[in-house]
Amino acid sequence: MRKILPSLLLFVVSVGHATDASVRPGLWEITTTSMLLALVPRIPPEQMQQLTKLAKQYGLDLPRIENGAATSRICITRKMADQEIPSYLHVHEAGCSIQNAIRTGNDYKMDLVCTNPQLQGKGRAEGSFTTPESFSGWTVFTGTMQNTPVNEHADTTGRWISANCGKIKSPR
């Protein structure tokens, strides 16, 4: 479990960044909760350093993780906010693709398919924007991580903080 936890953690945190075209541009705070994130205190410090380094290779900064929740801040540009289906989802960097993405009003749904040597399986992400400044959603994933069965559920909320992103960069 200690070997797969860091990789799966990276996947769960990155999937939590899904947004919709009705989003207000600017600085957003994204919080993702899951049983997997509750296990983070069990990861040895040297493995967390390796995970942080791996995340940086993909252009991600690992979020603050406390009490089973990962909280991060991301900058959403006007161009990103105007996308019908967001193309900047980080799951691409985890070796996963998005299929059957649908947006109906303020709701979004998409299937996730992961077919790489480390992570294989399928998932689903759904969410809704209650306002242009807040959303909530969930992600489920079933498959294998380094040949170990995985069945994960994560809940995500997001809230707009400011029109000015400051030093926070937008996702690639």
Protein backbone atom coordinates (compact mmCIF):
# COMPACT_ATOMS: atom_id res chain seq x y z
CA MET A 1 0.00 0.00 0.00
CA ARG A 2 2.86 2.41 0.78
CA LYS A 3 4.15 1.99 -2.76
CA ILE A 4 0.87 2.80 -4.51
CA LEU A 5 -0.43 5.48 -2.14
CA PRO A 6 1.79 8.32 -3.47
CA SER A 7 0.86 7.67 -7.12
CA LEU A 8 -2.84 7.35 -6.39
CA LEU A 9 -2.69 10.47 -4.25
CA LEU A 10 -1.31 12.41 -7.22
CA PHE A 11 -4.18 11.11 -9.37
CA VAL A 12 -6.91 11.99 -6.83
CA VAL A 13 -5.55 15.49 -6.25
CA SER A 14 -5.20 16.21 -9.97
CA VAL A 15 -8.68 14.99 -10.85
CA GLY A 16 -10.11 17.33 -8.29
CA HIS A 17 -9.31 20.35 -10.42
CA ALA A 18 -12.21 19.93 -12.85
CA THR A 19 -14.10 23.11 -13.68
CA ASP A 20 -16.88 24.28 -15.99
CA ALA A 21 -17.30 27.08 -18.56
CA SER A 22 -19.46 29.14 -16.18
CA VAL A 23 -16.52 29.61 -13.84
CA ARG A 24 -15.38 33.11 -12.93
CA PRO A 25 -11.75 33.76 -13.91
CA GLY A 26 -9.26 34.37 -11.13
CA LEU A 27 -7.90 32.66 -8.05
CA TRP A 28 -9.81 29.58 -6.87
CA GLU A 29 -9.42 27.42 -3.77
CA ILE A 30 -10.10 23.74 -4.45
CA THR A 31 -10.65 21.22 -1.64
CA THR A 32 -10.73 17.48 -2.26
CA THR A 33 -11.59 14.93 0.43
CA SER A 34 -11.21 11.16 0.25
CA MET A 35 -10.29 8.12 2.29
CA LEU A 36 -7.01 8.01 0.38
CA LEU A 37 -6.08 11.51 1.51
CA ALA A 38 -6.75 10.44 5.09
CA LEU A 39 -3.84 7.97 4.69
CA VAL A 40 -1.29 10.68 3.80
CA PRO A 41 0.15 10.87 7.34
CA ARG A 42 1.30 7.26 6.87
CA ILE A 43 3.52 8.11 3.89
CA PRO A 44 7.18 8.21 4.97
CA PRO A 45 8.82 11.66 4.55
CA GLU A 46 11.25 10.43 1.89
CA GLN A 47 8.36 9.10 -0.20
CA MET A 48 6.51 12.42 0.16
CA GLN A 49 9.63 14.19 -1.13
CA GLN A 50 9.67 11.86 -4.15
CA LEU A 51 5.97 12.49 -4.73
CA THR A 52 6.48 16.25 -4.51
CA LYS A 53 9.32 16.01 -7.04
CA LEU A 54 7.19 13.88 -9.39
CA ALA A 55 4.30 16.34 -9.15
CA LYS A 56 6.62 19.22 -10.05
CA GLN A 57 7.74 17.30 -13.17
CA TYR A 58 4.10 17.41 -14.28
CA GLY A 59 3.80 21.09 -13.43
CA LEU A 60 1.81 20.48 -10.25
CA ASP A 61 2.40 21.69 -6.74
CA LEU A 62 1.12 19.26 -4.16
CA PRO A 63 -1.62 20.90 -2.13
CA ARG A 64 -1.76 21.28 1.62
CA ILE A 65 -3.17 18.01 3.00
CA GLU A 66 -4.77 17.96 6.44
CA ASN A 67 -7.47 15.82 8.03
CA GLY A 68 -8.17 13.84 4.86
CA ALA A 69 -8.54 16.95 2.68
CA ALA A 70 -6.22 18.42 0.04
CA THR A 71 -6.55 22.17 -0.43
CA SER A 72 -4.88 24.01 -3.27
CA ARG A 73 -5.19 27.26 -5.13
CA ILE A 74 -5.24 27.52 -8.89
CA CYS A 75 -5.49 30.43 -11.30
CA ILE A 76 -8.20 30.17 -13.95
CA THR A 77 -7.64 32.51 -16.91
CA ARG A 78 -10.45 34.02 -19.00
CA LYS A 79 -9.55 31.69 -21.88
CA MET A 80 -9.80 28.65 -19.58
CA ALA A 81 -13.09 29.87 -18.09
CA ASP A 82 -14.60 30.25 -21.56
CA GLN A 83 -13.98 26.61 -22.56
CA GLU A 84 -17.11 24.50 -23.00
CA ILE A 85 -15.33 21.45 -21.61
CA PRO A 86 -12.10 22.30 -19.80
CA SER A 87 -9.05 21.06 -21.68
CA TYR A 88 -6.69 21.91 -18.84
CA LEU A 89 -7.69 19.04 -16.58
CA HIS A 90 -4.62 17.59 -14.94
CA VAL A 91 -5.73 13.98 -15.40
CA HIS A 92 -4.04 14.09 -18.81
CA GLU A 93 -0.75 14.44 -16.95
CA ALA A 94 -1.58 11.42 -14.80
CA GLY A 95 -1.74 9.40 -18.02
CA CYS A 96 -5.52 9.44 -18.21
CA SER A 97 -7.89 10.70 -20.87
CA ILE A 98 -11.33 12.26 -20.72
CA GLN A 99 -14.18 10.71 -22.70
CA ASN A 100 -17.89 11.42 -23.07
CA ALA A 101 -17.54 14.89 -21.55
CA ILE A 102 -20.92 16.60 -21.34
CA ARG A 103 -21.95 19.98 -20.04
CA THR A 104 -25.60 20.76 -19.46
CA GLY A 105 -26.14 24.20 -18.00
CA ASN A 106 -24.04 24.38 -14.87
CA ASP A 107 -23.52 20.62 -14.61
CA TYR A 108 -20.63 18.62 -16.03
CA LYS A 109 -20.02 14.88 -16.41
CA MET A 110 -17.05 13.02 -17.85
CA ASP A 111 -15.56 9.56 -17.97
CA LEU A 112 -11.91 9.01 -17.10
CA VAL A 113 -9.87 6.28 -18.75
CA CYS A 114 -6.36 5.45 -17.54
CA THR A 115 -4.23 3.08 -19.60
CA ASN A 116 -0.64 3.48 -18.53
CA PRO A 117 1.71 1.01 -16.82
CA GLN A 118 1.24 2.57 -13.37
CA LEU A 119 -2.48 3.35 -13.42
CA GLN A 120 -5.17 1.40 -15.26
CA GLY A 121 -8.90 1.69 -14.90
CA LYS A 122 -11.98 3.80 -15.38
CA GLY A 123 -13.67 6.54 -13.46
CA ARG A 124 -16.39 9.12 -13.57
CA ALA A 125 -16.40 12.78 -12.53
CA GLU A 126 -19.54 14.85 -12.06
CA GLY A 127 -20.13 18.26 -10.62
CA SER A 128 -22.23 21.38 -10.61
CA PHE A 129 -21.64 25.10 -10.35
CA THR A 130 -24.09 26.57 -7.88
CA THR A 131 -22.82 30.03 -8.85
CA PRO A 132 -19.99 31.28 -11.11
CA GLU A 133 -17.95 31.44 -7.89
CA SER A 134 -18.56 27.99 -6.38
CA PHE A 135 -18.87 24.36 -7.40
CA SER A 136 -19.04 20.90 -5.91
CA GLY A 137 -18.56 17.48 -7.41
CA TRP A 138 -17.25 13.98 -7.01
CA THR A 139 -14.97 11.50 -8.73
CA VAL A 140 -14.97 7.71 -8.56
CA PHE A 141 -12.23 5.46 -9.90
CA THR A 142 -11.92 1.68 -10.12
CA GLY A 143 -8.89 -0.08 -11.49
CA THR A 144 -5.34 -0.95 -10.54
CA MET A 145 -2.37 1.11 -9.38
CA GLN A 146 0.91 -0.73 -9.85
CA ASN A 147 -1.13 -3.97 -10.10
CA THR A 148 -2.92 -3.30 -6.79
CA PRO A 149 -6.74 -3.00 -6.91
CA VAL A 150 -8.09 0.51 -6.34
CA ASN A 151 -11.63 1.64 -5.63
CA GLU A 152 -11.59 5.35 -4.74
CA HIS A 153 -14.19 8.08 -4.25
CA ALA A 154 -13.30 11.76 -3.80
CA ASP A 155 -15.50 14.79 -3.17
CA THR A 156 -14.41 18.20 -4.41
CA THR A 157 -15.53 21.75 -3.71
CA GLY A 158 -14.23 24.96 -5.15
CA ARG A 159 -14.67 28.61 -4.35
CA TRP A 160 -13.55 31.73 -6.13
CA ILE A 161 -11.27 33.91 -4.02
CA SER A 162 -10.11 36.86 -6.10
CA ALA A 163 -9.87 38.25 -9.62
CA ASN A 164 -6.12 38.64 -9.03
CA CYS A 165 -4.14 35.38 -8.96
CA GLY A 166 -1.03 36.99 -7.49
CA LYS A 167 1.91 34.59 -7.75
CA ILE A 168 -0.31 31.53 -8.40
CA LYS A 169 0.16 30.29 -11.97
CA SER A 170 -2.56 28.84 -14.16
CA PRO A 171 -2.41 25.11 -14.95
CA ARG A 172 -0.56 24.26 -18.15
